[in-house]
Amino acid sequence: MALKDIELRILGSLIEKEKTTPETYPLTDNSLRLACNQKSSREPVTSFSHPELSTALQNLRDKGLVVSKRTANERSVKHSQKFNSYYDLSNKELAIMAVLMLRGKQTPGELRTRSDRYNCLQGLSDVEETLQKLASRQKPLVKNLGRSPGQSQDRWQHTLGLNEEDLKPRIRQGAKVNIPSAKDELKAEINDLKRKLRHIYRHLGLDFDE
């Protein structure tokens, strides 16, 4: 399932708040906006508006990844995530996915440090084992990007984002695109002049020598 950046930010924020501050969960519109746009533990920092978030929430509800409801004794609609039940994730897997959604590509060491608040991963080996489980699914949720210059660990990324290459217009296999070159254009002009000269010569009763 390909998700937009704002949808990923919403899901990551809902998961984070559910696991780290359960007393404030589910989230209202305002608290969700603050969570998505907070300046700590977010890369990049964003400034999503209420209308943008409202549209993204509806898309996530349509996909079965978010539930929004208001109980009889509450004034505000509150939002909760269904990401873990949709993908049948363990707490460890959910923590890794949330941090990847909120902060992008990371090494196992960075993931270990940044998932500390979730209180479910016991060390670097636990993180690496969880990454391998996510990567070995029939439809992998993460992928190994290899090492960046100067890094001693591989970087990992979730696979839920939209692929820009997939969004580019495609040319059907076998179809040919003819883009005239300057040489082709010159040749066409010469042939056109010859045609006009041939017509003039014929009109004058003369032979045209090409």
Foldseek 3Di string as FASTA:
>chain_A
DAAALLLLLLLLLQLCCCQQPVVCPQDFLVRSQCSSQPVPLAPPRDRDDSVRNVVSQVVCVVVVFKDWDDDPPDDTIGMHTCVCVVVVDDLLLSLLSSSCSGHNKDFLVVSCVSSVSNVPADDSVSSVVSQVVQCPDPDRQKDWPQDDPPDPTTIMHGDRHDDVVVVDDDDDPPDDDDDDDPVNVVVVVVVVVLVVVCVVCVVVVHDDDD
